[in-house]
N, C-alpha and C. Protein backbone atom coordinates (compact mmCIF):
# COMPACT_ATOMS: atom_id res chain seq x y z
N MET A 1 19.46 30.93 191.26
CA MET A 1 18.63 31.68 192.18
C MET A 1 19.12 33.13 192.26
N ALA A 2 18.19 34.06 192.23
CA ALA A 2 18.56 35.47 192.30
C ALA A 2 19.18 35.81 193.65
N ARG A 3 19.91 36.91 193.69
CA ARG A 3 20.62 37.32 194.90
C ARG A 3 19.68 37.83 195.99
N ILE A 4 18.49 38.27 195.61
CA ILE A 4 17.47 38.61 196.59
C ILE A 4 16.16 37.97 196.17
N GLN A 5 15.30 37.72 197.12
CA GLN A 5 14.00 37.13 196.83
C GLN A 5 13.04 38.22 196.38
N GLY A 6 12.20 37.90 195.41
CA GLY A 6 11.20 38.85 194.96
C GLY A 6 10.13 39.09 196.00
N VAL A 7 9.30 40.10 195.78
CA VAL A 7 8.22 40.42 196.70
C VAL A 7 7.16 39.33 196.63
N PRO A 8 6.84 38.67 197.74
CA PRO A 8 5.80 37.63 197.73
C PRO A 8 4.44 38.23 197.38
N LYS A 9 3.60 37.45 196.75
CA LYS A 9 2.27 37.92 196.37
C LYS A 9 1.48 38.38 197.59
N SER A 10 1.67 37.71 198.72
CA SER A 10 0.94 38.04 199.94
C SER A 10 1.28 39.42 200.47
N GLN A 11 2.45 39.95 200.07
CA GLN A 11 2.89 41.26 200.54
C GLN A 11 2.78 42.33 199.45
N ALA A 12 2.28 41.98 198.30
CA ALA A 12 2.23 42.90 197.17
C ALA A 12 0.96 43.74 197.19
N GLY A 13 1.08 44.98 196.68
CA GLY A 13 -0.07 45.85 196.54
C GLY A 13 -0.88 45.47 195.32
N MET A 14 -1.96 46.21 195.09
CA MET A 14 -2.89 45.88 194.02
C MET A 14 -2.22 45.90 192.64
N THR A 15 -1.42 46.94 192.37
CA THR A 15 -0.77 47.05 191.06
C THR A 15 0.16 45.88 190.81
N VAL A 16 0.95 45.55 191.81
CA VAL A 16 1.90 44.44 191.67
C VAL A 16 1.15 43.11 191.51
N ARG A 17 0.06 42.96 192.21
CA ARG A 17 -0.72 41.73 192.08
C ARG A 17 -1.27 41.56 190.66
N LEU A 18 -1.64 42.67 190.04
CA LEU A 18 -2.11 42.61 188.65
C LEU A 18 -0.98 42.18 187.72
N VAL A 19 0.23 42.69 187.99
CA VAL A 19 1.40 42.28 187.21
C VAL A 19 1.65 40.78 187.39
N TYR A 20 1.54 40.32 188.62
CA TYR A 20 1.75 38.90 188.90
C TYR A 20 0.69 38.03 188.23
N ARG A 21 -0.50 38.59 188.06
CA ARG A 21 -1.60 37.83 187.46
C ARG A 21 -1.45 37.72 185.95
N PHE A 22 -1.15 38.86 185.30
CA PHE A 22 -1.14 38.88 183.85
C PHE A 22 0.26 38.68 183.24
N GLY A 23 1.33 38.93 184.01
CA GLY A 23 2.68 38.79 183.50
C GLY A 23 3.00 37.42 182.94
N PRO A 24 2.72 36.34 183.69
CA PRO A 24 3.02 34.99 183.17
C PRO A 24 2.26 34.67 181.88
N LYS A 25 1.02 35.13 181.77
CA LYS A 25 0.24 34.89 180.55
C LYS A 25 0.87 35.59 179.36
N MET A 26 1.34 36.82 179.59
CA MET A 26 1.96 37.59 178.52
C MET A 26 3.24 36.92 178.04
N VAL A 27 4.07 36.47 178.98
CA VAL A 27 5.34 35.85 178.64
C VAL A 27 5.11 34.52 177.93
N THR A 28 4.15 33.74 178.39
CA THR A 28 3.85 32.46 177.75
C THR A 28 3.34 32.67 176.34
N LYS A 29 2.57 33.73 176.12
CA LYS A 29 2.08 34.04 174.78
C LYS A 29 3.24 34.38 173.85
N LEU A 30 4.22 35.12 174.34
CA LEU A 30 5.39 35.51 173.54
C LEU A 30 6.25 34.31 173.19
N THR A 31 6.40 33.40 174.12
CA THR A 31 7.32 32.28 173.94
C THR A 31 6.64 31.04 173.38
N GLY A 32 5.33 30.94 173.57
CA GLY A 32 4.63 29.73 173.16
C GLY A 32 4.92 28.56 174.06
N ARG A 33 5.47 28.87 175.24
CA ARG A 33 5.89 27.80 176.14
C ARG A 33 5.93 28.33 177.58
N ALA A 34 5.50 27.50 178.52
CA ALA A 34 5.55 27.89 179.92
C ALA A 34 6.97 27.75 180.45
N PRO A 35 7.35 28.53 181.46
CA PRO A 35 8.69 28.38 182.04
C PRO A 35 8.83 27.02 182.71
N GLN A 36 10.02 26.48 182.68
CA GLN A 36 10.28 25.19 183.30
C GLN A 36 10.78 25.34 184.74
N THR A 37 11.19 26.57 185.08
CA THR A 37 11.72 26.86 186.41
C THR A 37 11.15 28.18 186.90
N GLY A 38 10.51 28.18 188.04
CA GLY A 38 10.03 29.43 188.62
C GLY A 38 8.80 29.97 187.91
N SER A 39 8.55 31.25 188.16
CA SER A 39 7.34 31.90 187.66
C SER A 39 7.48 32.42 186.24
N GLY A 40 8.71 32.65 185.80
CA GLY A 40 8.93 33.23 184.48
C GLY A 40 8.88 34.76 184.48
N ILE A 41 8.59 35.36 185.63
CA ILE A 41 8.55 36.82 185.73
C ILE A 41 9.42 37.29 186.90
N GLU A 42 10.51 36.59 187.15
CA GLU A 42 11.37 36.91 188.29
C GLU A 42 11.85 38.37 188.30
N PRO A 43 12.22 38.96 187.14
CA PRO A 43 12.63 40.37 187.18
C PRO A 43 11.53 41.28 187.71
N MET A 44 10.28 41.03 187.32
CA MET A 44 9.16 41.85 187.80
C MET A 44 9.00 41.71 189.31
N GLU A 45 9.25 40.51 189.82
CA GLU A 45 9.09 40.28 191.26
C GLU A 45 10.12 41.06 192.06
N ILE A 46 11.28 41.31 191.47
CA ILE A 46 12.29 42.11 192.16
C ILE A 46 12.03 43.60 191.96
N TRP A 47 11.64 44.01 190.75
CA TRP A 47 11.25 45.40 190.53
C TRP A 47 10.10 45.77 191.47
N ALA A 48 9.32 44.80 191.91
CA ALA A 48 8.14 45.06 192.73
C ALA A 48 8.47 45.70 194.08
N TYR A 49 9.73 45.68 194.48
CA TYR A 49 10.11 46.41 195.70
C TYR A 49 9.92 47.92 195.51
N GLN A 50 9.89 48.35 194.24
CA GLN A 50 9.66 49.75 193.90
C GLN A 50 8.50 49.82 192.91
N PRO A 51 7.26 49.76 193.40
CA PRO A 51 6.09 49.69 192.50
C PRO A 51 6.01 50.82 191.49
N ARG A 52 6.39 52.03 191.88
CA ARG A 52 6.34 53.15 190.94
C ARG A 52 7.34 52.94 189.81
N MET A 53 8.51 52.44 190.15
CA MET A 53 9.51 52.13 189.12
C MET A 53 9.01 51.01 188.21
N LEU A 54 8.36 50.01 188.80
CA LEU A 54 7.81 48.90 188.02
C LEU A 54 6.78 49.42 187.02
N ARG A 55 5.91 50.33 187.47
CA ARG A 55 4.92 50.90 186.57
C ARG A 55 5.59 51.72 185.46
N GLY A 56 6.58 52.52 185.85
CA GLY A 56 7.30 53.32 184.86
C GLY A 56 8.01 52.45 183.84
N MET A 57 8.62 51.37 184.31
CA MET A 57 9.29 50.44 183.40
C MET A 57 8.29 49.84 182.43
N GLY A 58 7.11 49.50 182.95
CA GLY A 58 6.08 48.91 182.10
C GLY A 58 5.63 49.86 181.00
N ARG A 59 5.47 51.13 181.36
CA ARG A 59 5.05 52.13 180.36
C ARG A 59 6.12 52.33 179.30
N PHE A 60 7.37 52.45 179.74
CA PHE A 60 8.47 52.63 178.79
C PHE A 60 8.59 51.42 177.87
N ASN A 61 8.48 50.24 178.47
CA ASN A 61 8.56 49.00 177.71
C ASN A 61 7.48 48.95 176.63
N GLN A 62 6.26 49.26 177.02
CA GLN A 62 5.15 49.23 176.06
C GLN A 62 5.33 50.25 174.96
N ALA A 63 5.77 51.46 175.33
CA ALA A 63 5.93 52.52 174.34
C ALA A 63 6.96 52.12 173.29
N VAL A 64 8.08 51.54 173.72
CA VAL A 64 9.13 51.15 172.78
C VAL A 64 8.66 49.99 171.91
N ARG A 65 8.01 49.01 172.53
CA ARG A 65 7.63 47.81 171.79
C ARG A 65 6.44 48.03 170.86
N LYS A 66 5.74 49.11 171.02
CA LYS A 66 4.62 49.41 170.12
C LYS A 66 5.09 50.03 168.81
N GLY A 67 6.37 50.33 168.69
CA GLY A 67 6.90 50.88 167.45
C GLY A 67 6.68 49.92 166.29
N LYS A 68 6.28 50.44 165.16
CA LYS A 68 5.97 49.60 164.00
C LYS A 68 6.86 49.91 162.79
N ALA A 69 7.86 50.76 162.97
CA ALA A 69 8.69 51.15 161.82
C ALA A 69 9.66 50.05 161.41
N VAL A 70 10.01 49.18 162.34
CA VAL A 70 11.01 48.13 162.10
C VAL A 70 10.33 46.76 162.19
N ASP A 71 10.68 45.85 161.30
CA ASP A 71 10.07 44.52 161.30
C ASP A 71 10.45 43.74 162.55
N GLU A 72 9.57 42.83 162.94
CA GLU A 72 9.74 42.07 164.18
C GLU A 72 10.99 41.21 164.18
N ARG A 73 11.34 40.64 163.05
CA ARG A 73 12.53 39.78 162.99
C ARG A 73 13.78 40.58 163.37
N THR A 74 13.93 41.76 162.78
CA THR A 74 15.10 42.59 163.09
C THR A 74 15.10 42.99 164.56
N LYS A 75 13.94 43.36 165.08
CA LYS A 75 13.87 43.77 166.48
C LYS A 75 14.20 42.61 167.41
N ASN A 76 13.72 41.41 167.09
CA ASN A 76 14.04 40.25 167.91
C ASN A 76 15.53 39.93 167.89
N LEU A 77 16.15 40.04 166.71
CA LEU A 77 17.60 39.80 166.61
C LEU A 77 18.38 40.83 167.42
N VAL A 78 17.99 42.08 167.30
CA VAL A 78 18.66 43.16 168.02
C VAL A 78 18.56 42.94 169.53
N GLU A 79 17.36 42.60 169.98
CA GLU A 79 17.16 42.42 171.42
C GLU A 79 17.96 41.24 171.95
N LEU A 80 17.98 40.14 171.21
CA LEU A 80 18.72 38.97 171.67
C LEU A 80 20.22 39.23 171.65
N LYS A 81 20.71 39.96 170.63
CA LYS A 81 22.13 40.29 170.57
C LYS A 81 22.53 41.18 171.74
N GLY A 82 21.68 42.14 172.08
CA GLY A 82 21.98 43.00 173.22
C GLY A 82 22.03 42.23 174.51
N ALA A 83 21.09 41.30 174.70
CA ALA A 83 21.08 40.47 175.91
C ALA A 83 22.32 39.60 175.98
N GLN A 84 22.78 39.12 174.83
CA GLN A 84 23.98 38.29 174.79
C GLN A 84 25.18 39.08 175.27
N MET A 85 25.31 40.32 174.83
CA MET A 85 26.46 41.13 175.22
C MET A 85 26.43 41.49 176.70
N ILE A 86 25.23 41.76 177.21
CA ILE A 86 25.09 42.11 178.62
C ILE A 86 25.32 40.90 179.52
N GLY A 87 24.98 39.72 179.00
CA GLY A 87 25.18 38.50 179.76
C GLY A 87 24.03 38.15 180.68
N CYS A 88 22.82 38.63 180.34
CA CYS A 88 21.65 38.34 181.15
C CYS A 88 21.12 36.94 180.81
N GLU A 89 21.31 35.99 181.71
CA GLU A 89 20.90 34.61 181.45
C GLU A 89 19.38 34.50 181.31
N PHE A 90 18.64 35.23 182.13
CA PHE A 90 17.18 35.20 182.04
C PHE A 90 16.73 35.67 180.66
N CYS A 91 17.31 36.77 180.19
CA CYS A 91 16.90 37.36 178.92
C CYS A 91 17.30 36.50 177.73
N LEU A 92 18.45 35.84 177.81
CA LEU A 92 18.89 34.97 176.73
C LEU A 92 18.01 33.74 176.62
N ASP A 93 17.66 33.18 177.75
CA ASP A 93 16.74 32.04 177.77
C ASP A 93 15.38 32.44 177.20
N LEU A 94 14.85 33.54 177.69
CA LEU A 94 13.55 34.04 177.22
C LEU A 94 13.62 34.47 175.75
N GLY A 95 14.65 35.25 175.42
CA GLY A 95 14.78 35.79 174.07
C GLY A 95 15.01 34.72 173.02
N SER A 96 15.78 33.69 173.34
CA SER A 96 16.01 32.61 172.39
C SER A 96 14.69 31.93 172.03
N GLN A 97 13.84 31.71 173.04
CA GLN A 97 12.56 31.05 172.77
C GLN A 97 11.59 31.99 172.05
N ILE A 98 11.63 33.28 172.36
CA ILE A 98 10.78 34.24 171.64
C ILE A 98 11.17 34.25 170.16
N CYS A 99 12.48 34.29 169.89
CA CYS A 99 12.95 34.27 168.50
C CYS A 99 12.53 32.99 167.79
N ARG A 100 12.69 31.87 168.48
CA ARG A 100 12.32 30.58 167.88
C ARG A 100 10.80 30.54 167.62
N ASN A 101 10.03 31.04 168.57
CA ASN A 101 8.57 31.04 168.44
C ASN A 101 8.10 31.98 167.33
N SER A 102 8.93 32.98 167.00
CA SER A 102 8.56 33.93 165.95
C SER A 102 9.05 33.49 164.58
N GLY A 103 9.79 32.36 164.52
CA GLY A 103 10.17 31.82 163.22
C GLY A 103 11.65 31.67 162.97
N LEU A 104 12.52 32.14 163.87
CA LEU A 104 13.95 31.96 163.66
C LEU A 104 14.32 30.49 163.85
N SER A 105 15.27 30.02 163.05
CA SER A 105 15.70 28.63 163.13
C SER A 105 16.80 28.47 164.18
N ASP A 106 17.02 27.23 164.59
CA ASP A 106 18.12 26.95 165.51
C ASP A 106 19.46 27.34 164.88
N GLU A 107 19.58 27.14 163.56
CA GLU A 107 20.82 27.50 162.87
C GLU A 107 21.10 29.01 162.98
N GLU A 108 20.05 29.80 162.91
CA GLU A 108 20.22 31.25 163.03
C GLU A 108 20.61 31.63 164.45
N LEU A 109 20.04 30.96 165.44
CA LEU A 109 20.41 31.22 166.82
C LEU A 109 21.88 30.86 167.07
N VAL A 110 22.30 29.72 166.52
CA VAL A 110 23.70 29.30 166.66
C VAL A 110 24.64 30.31 166.01
N ALA A 111 24.20 30.90 164.90
CA ALA A 111 25.05 31.82 164.14
C ALA A 111 25.09 33.22 164.73
N LEU A 112 24.16 33.56 165.60
CA LEU A 112 24.05 34.94 166.09
C LEU A 112 25.31 35.46 166.77
N PRO A 113 25.99 34.68 167.62
CA PRO A 113 27.20 35.22 168.26
C PRO A 113 28.27 35.66 167.26
N ARG A 114 28.28 35.07 166.07
CA ARG A 114 29.25 35.45 165.02
C ARG A 114 28.49 35.83 163.76
N HIS A 115 27.57 36.75 163.93
CA HIS A 115 26.64 37.11 162.85
C HIS A 115 27.32 37.62 161.59
N ARG A 116 28.43 38.31 161.76
CA ARG A 116 29.11 38.93 160.61
C ARG A 116 29.66 37.88 159.66
N GLN A 117 30.00 36.68 160.18
CA GLN A 117 30.56 35.61 159.35
C GLN A 117 29.48 34.69 158.77
N SER A 118 28.22 34.93 159.09
CA SER A 118 27.14 34.03 158.67
C SER A 118 26.45 34.54 157.42
N ASP A 119 25.98 33.60 156.58
CA ASP A 119 25.20 33.98 155.41
C ASP A 119 23.70 33.80 155.67
N LEU A 120 23.33 33.59 156.94
CA LEU A 120 21.93 33.43 157.30
C LEU A 120 21.23 34.75 157.56
N PHE A 121 22.01 35.83 157.63
CA PHE A 121 21.45 37.15 157.88
C PHE A 121 21.73 38.07 156.70
N THR A 122 20.78 38.94 156.41
CA THR A 122 20.98 39.91 155.34
C THR A 122 21.99 40.96 155.79
N GLU A 123 22.51 41.73 154.84
CA GLU A 123 23.45 42.80 155.19
C GLU A 123 22.76 43.83 156.08
N ARG A 124 21.50 44.08 155.83
CA ARG A 124 20.74 45.01 156.66
C ARG A 124 20.66 44.52 158.10
N GLU A 125 20.39 43.23 158.28
CA GLU A 125 20.33 42.65 159.62
C GLU A 125 21.70 42.67 160.29
N LYS A 126 22.74 42.39 159.53
CA LYS A 126 24.09 42.41 160.08
C LYS A 126 24.46 43.81 160.57
N LEU A 127 24.07 44.83 159.81
CA LEU A 127 24.35 46.19 160.22
C LEU A 127 23.58 46.55 161.49
N ALA A 128 22.34 46.10 161.59
CA ALA A 128 21.56 46.34 162.81
C ALA A 128 22.23 45.68 164.01
N LEU A 129 22.79 44.49 163.79
CA LEU A 129 23.48 43.78 164.87
C LEU A 129 24.82 44.45 165.20
N ASP A 130 25.54 44.92 164.18
CA ASP A 130 26.77 45.68 164.41
C ASP A 130 26.48 46.91 165.26
N TYR A 131 25.40 47.59 164.90
CA TYR A 131 25.00 48.80 165.62
C TYR A 131 24.63 48.47 167.07
N THR A 132 23.95 47.35 167.27
CA THR A 132 23.61 46.90 168.62
C THR A 132 24.86 46.69 169.46
N VAL A 133 25.84 46.03 168.88
CA VAL A 133 27.10 45.79 169.58
C VAL A 133 27.76 47.12 169.96
N ALA A 134 27.80 48.05 169.02
CA ALA A 134 28.47 49.33 169.25
C ALA A 134 27.75 50.17 170.31
N VAL A 135 26.42 50.15 170.29
CA VAL A 135 25.65 50.93 171.27
C VAL A 135 25.76 50.31 172.66
N THR A 136 25.83 48.98 172.74
CA THR A 136 25.82 48.29 174.02
C THR A 136 27.18 48.32 174.72
N ARG A 137 28.25 48.50 173.97
CA ARG A 137 29.57 48.55 174.59
C ARG A 137 29.68 49.75 175.52
N THR A 138 30.55 49.63 176.51
CA THR A 138 30.85 50.73 177.42
C THR A 138 32.32 51.07 177.33
N PRO A 139 32.67 52.30 176.87
CA PRO A 139 31.76 53.33 176.38
C PRO A 139 31.19 52.97 175.00
N VAL A 140 30.16 53.71 174.61
CA VAL A 140 29.51 53.47 173.31
C VAL A 140 30.53 53.64 172.19
N GLU A 141 30.49 52.73 171.20
CA GLU A 141 31.48 52.74 170.11
C GLU A 141 30.84 52.94 168.75
N VAL A 142 29.83 53.80 168.68
CA VAL A 142 29.19 54.09 167.39
C VAL A 142 30.03 55.15 166.67
N THR A 143 30.76 54.73 165.67
CA THR A 143 31.59 55.66 164.90
C THR A 143 30.76 56.33 163.80
N ASP A 144 31.27 57.41 163.25
CA ASP A 144 30.60 58.08 162.13
C ASP A 144 30.49 57.13 160.94
N GLU A 145 31.53 56.32 160.75
CA GLU A 145 31.54 55.40 159.62
C GLU A 145 30.45 54.35 159.77
N LEU A 146 30.32 53.77 160.97
CA LEU A 146 29.29 52.77 161.21
C LEU A 146 27.90 53.40 161.07
N PHE A 147 27.72 54.56 161.65
CA PHE A 147 26.40 55.20 161.58
C PHE A 147 26.01 55.51 160.14
N SER A 148 26.98 55.89 159.35
CA SER A 148 26.71 56.18 157.94
C SER A 148 26.24 54.92 157.22
N ARG A 149 26.89 53.80 157.49
CA ARG A 149 26.50 52.54 156.85
C ARG A 149 25.10 52.10 157.30
N VAL A 150 24.82 52.27 158.59
CA VAL A 150 23.50 51.89 159.11
C VAL A 150 22.43 52.80 158.52
N LYS A 151 22.73 54.09 158.41
CA LYS A 151 21.76 55.06 157.91
C LYS A 151 21.40 54.81 156.44
N ALA A 152 22.28 54.13 155.73
CA ALA A 152 21.99 53.81 154.33
C ALA A 152 20.91 52.74 154.20
N HIS A 153 20.64 52.02 155.30
CA HIS A 153 19.66 50.93 155.26
C HIS A 153 18.42 51.20 156.11
N PHE A 154 18.47 52.21 156.97
CA PHE A 154 17.36 52.50 157.86
C PHE A 154 17.01 53.98 157.83
N THR A 155 15.73 54.28 157.91
CA THR A 155 15.29 55.66 157.97
C THR A 155 15.56 56.24 159.36
N ASP A 156 15.43 57.55 159.48
CA ASP A 156 15.62 58.18 160.79
C ASP A 156 14.62 57.63 161.80
N GLU A 157 13.38 57.45 161.37
CA GLU A 157 12.35 56.90 162.26
C GLU A 157 12.74 55.50 162.74
N GLN A 158 13.24 54.69 161.82
CA GLN A 158 13.65 53.33 162.19
C GLN A 158 14.86 53.34 163.11
N LEU A 159 15.78 54.26 162.89
CA LEU A 159 16.97 54.35 163.74
C LEU A 159 16.61 54.73 165.17
N VAL A 160 15.65 55.63 165.31
CA VAL A 160 15.21 56.00 166.65
C VAL A 160 14.56 54.81 167.34
N GLU A 161 13.75 54.06 166.59
CA GLU A 161 13.09 52.89 167.17
C GLU A 161 14.10 51.82 167.58
N ILE A 162 15.07 51.55 166.73
CA ILE A 162 16.09 50.55 167.05
C ILE A 162 16.93 50.98 168.24
N THR A 163 17.34 52.25 168.25
CA THR A 163 18.18 52.74 169.35
C THR A 163 17.42 52.73 170.66
N ALA A 164 16.13 53.07 170.61
CA ALA A 164 15.30 53.01 171.82
C ALA A 164 15.21 51.57 172.32
N LEU A 165 15.07 50.62 171.40
CA LEU A 165 14.99 49.21 171.79
C LEU A 165 16.30 48.76 172.43
N ILE A 166 17.42 49.16 171.85
CA ILE A 166 18.72 48.79 172.43
C ILE A 166 18.87 49.41 173.82
N THR A 167 18.40 50.65 173.98
CA THR A 167 18.43 51.30 175.29
C THR A 167 17.59 50.51 176.29
N LEU A 168 16.42 50.05 175.85
CA LEU A 168 15.58 49.23 176.71
C LEU A 168 16.28 47.93 177.08
N VAL A 169 16.90 47.30 176.10
CA VAL A 169 17.62 46.04 176.35
C VAL A 169 18.73 46.24 177.38
N ASN A 170 19.37 47.40 177.36
CA ASN A 170 20.46 47.64 178.31
C ASN A 170 19.98 47.66 179.76
N LEU A 171 18.68 47.80 179.96
CA LEU A 171 18.14 47.68 181.31
C LEU A 171 18.19 46.24 181.81
N ASP A 172 18.54 45.30 180.91
CA ASP A 172 18.76 43.92 181.33
C ASP A 172 19.93 43.83 182.31
N ARG A 173 20.72 44.87 182.40
CA ARG A 173 21.80 44.90 183.39
C ARG A 173 21.23 44.76 184.80
N PHE A 174 20.02 45.21 184.99
CA PHE A 174 19.32 45.04 186.27
C PHE A 174 19.24 43.56 186.62
N ASN A 175 18.79 42.75 185.66
CA ASN A 175 18.67 41.31 185.88
C ASN A 175 20.02 40.66 186.14
N ALA A 176 21.02 41.06 185.35
CA ALA A 176 22.36 40.48 185.50
C ALA A 176 22.95 40.83 186.87
N ALA A 177 22.72 42.06 187.34
CA ALA A 177 23.25 42.48 188.64
C ALA A 177 22.66 41.67 189.78
N PHE A 178 21.39 41.32 189.66
CA PHE A 178 20.73 40.54 190.70
C PHE A 178 20.88 39.03 190.50
N GLY A 179 21.60 38.65 189.45
CA GLY A 179 21.87 37.23 189.23
C GLY A 179 20.63 36.43 188.91
N ILE A 180 19.68 37.04 188.19
CA ILE A 180 18.45 36.33 187.84
C ILE A 180 18.75 35.34 186.72
N GLY A 181 18.60 34.08 187.00
CA GLY A 181 18.98 33.04 186.05
C GLY A 181 17.86 32.63 185.11
N SER A 182 18.14 31.63 184.32
CA SER A 182 17.21 31.12 183.33
C SER A 182 15.93 30.61 183.99
N ALA A 183 14.80 30.83 183.29
CA ALA A 183 13.52 30.28 183.75
C ALA A 183 13.16 29.01 182.99
N GLY A 184 14.06 28.58 182.11
CA GLY A 184 13.85 27.31 181.39
C GLY A 184 12.93 27.39 180.20
N PHE A 185 12.75 28.59 179.63
CA PHE A 185 11.92 28.69 178.43
C PHE A 185 12.57 27.93 177.26
N SER A 186 13.91 27.89 177.25
CA SER A 186 14.63 27.18 176.18
C SER A 186 15.15 25.83 176.66
N GLU A 187 14.57 25.32 177.72
CA GLU A 187 15.00 24.02 178.26
C GLU A 187 14.98 22.94 177.18
N GLY A 188 16.13 22.26 176.99
CA GLY A 188 16.22 21.20 176.01
C GLY A 188 16.36 21.67 174.58
N MET A 189 16.51 22.98 174.39
CA MET A 189 16.59 23.54 173.05
C MET A 189 17.84 24.41 172.93
N VAL A 190 18.08 24.91 171.73
CA VAL A 190 19.20 25.80 171.50
C VAL A 190 18.95 27.13 172.22
N CYS A 191 19.98 27.59 172.91
CA CYS A 191 19.89 28.87 173.61
C CYS A 191 21.19 29.63 173.39
N VAL A 192 21.09 30.87 172.95
CA VAL A 192 22.28 31.69 172.73
C VAL A 192 22.96 31.94 174.08
N PRO A 193 24.28 31.74 174.19
CA PRO A 193 24.97 31.92 175.46
C PRO A 193 25.39 33.37 175.67
N PRO A 194 25.67 33.76 176.92
CA PRO A 194 26.17 35.11 177.17
C PRO A 194 27.55 35.31 176.55
N ASP A 195 27.82 36.51 176.11
CA ASP A 195 29.12 36.83 175.48
C ASP A 195 30.05 37.35 176.55
N ARG A 196 30.56 36.44 177.36
CA ARG A 196 31.45 36.82 178.46
C ARG A 196 32.86 36.34 178.19
N PRO A 197 33.84 37.23 178.31
CA PRO A 197 35.23 36.79 178.16
C PRO A 197 35.62 35.86 179.29
N GLN A 198 36.45 34.90 178.97
CA GLN A 198 36.88 33.94 179.98
C GLN A 198 37.99 34.53 180.84
N GLN A 199 37.98 34.16 182.13
CA GLN A 199 39.01 34.61 183.06
C GLN A 199 40.30 33.82 182.81
N GLN A 200 41.40 34.51 182.63
CA GLN A 200 42.68 33.87 182.41
C GLN A 200 43.41 33.63 183.73
N PRO A 201 44.37 32.68 183.77
CA PRO A 201 45.08 32.37 185.01
C PRO A 201 45.77 33.60 185.62
N ASP A 202 46.25 34.49 184.78
CA ASP A 202 46.96 35.67 185.30
C ASP A 202 45.98 36.80 185.65
N ARG A 203 44.67 36.47 185.64
CA ARG A 203 43.60 37.39 186.02
C ARG A 203 43.32 38.44 184.96
N ASP A 204 43.96 38.34 183.81
CA ASP A 204 43.60 39.21 182.71
C ASP A 204 42.37 38.63 182.02
N MET A 205 41.58 39.46 181.39
CA MET A 205 40.40 38.98 180.71
C MET A 205 40.73 38.62 179.27
N GLY A 206 40.36 37.39 178.87
CA GLY A 206 40.60 36.96 177.50
C GLY A 206 39.54 37.49 176.56
N ALA A 207 39.71 37.23 175.29
CA ALA A 207 38.78 37.76 174.30
C ALA A 207 38.09 36.67 173.50
N THR A 208 38.23 35.43 173.93
CA THR A 208 37.68 34.34 173.13
C THR A 208 36.19 34.16 173.35
N GLY A 209 35.69 34.50 174.54
CA GLY A 209 34.26 34.34 174.81
C GLY A 209 33.88 32.87 175.01
N LEU A 210 32.59 32.60 174.99
CA LEU A 210 32.10 31.26 175.21
C LEU A 210 31.81 30.56 173.90
N GLU A 211 31.44 29.30 173.99
CA GLU A 211 31.03 28.57 172.80
C GLU A 211 29.79 29.23 172.21
N PRO A 212 29.55 29.07 170.92
CA PRO A 212 28.48 29.81 170.27
C PRO A 212 27.06 29.39 170.63
N VAL A 213 26.90 28.27 171.30
CA VAL A 213 25.53 27.87 171.63
C VAL A 213 25.55 26.95 172.84
N THR A 214 24.52 27.02 173.62
CA THR A 214 24.35 26.16 174.76
C THR A 214 23.13 25.28 174.56
N PHE A 215 23.29 23.99 174.79
CA PHE A 215 22.16 23.08 174.73
C PHE A 215 21.77 22.74 176.14
N ARG A 216 20.56 23.09 176.52
CA ARG A 216 20.13 22.86 177.88
C ARG A 216 19.55 21.46 177.99
N ALA A 217 19.94 20.78 179.04
CA ALA A 217 19.48 19.40 179.25
C ALA A 217 18.06 19.35 179.74
């Protein structure tokens, strides 16, 4: 359950009501599956406390996602990898099912947390994922060497599109801050887990992270 309750439909203005009406249909179309818990648009219900921000977010989201320079598979991998690093449970649940619905296999989802060691991804895809990791870290860790390797596989137009998408994904921190949990889109299926270091007894943060995949009951 999120840390605050979303704006009820009875208290929402016209714009927010339209989002509440069409949002679930859009998400179900992307995933090919209805949410098993809640409305499936919990982040929108919380953004609804600031309708102008919600509208602005929608415009930015649409502008970035309308980019056609990069193939959908790469963009889906990048988005899911970014959500994994941020630790947004809602986005990982949603993103895992979007990837599966778009053609990714369970084996590829299992391999994503350790993409560099997998032979299921092309070198181009691995570089896009490396770049996602580097951009998402705080502070940003995009070195000249990494950028040079990425630039050998992507045009300037594609790099702008990918970087904009990663920037959009970083707004998933909003969901993580409010504790918005899974909506059950990947219920009973493979779901990529958040990349969170485990707390050690001495209160230092470990570097092992979680298991590479979560199976939801």
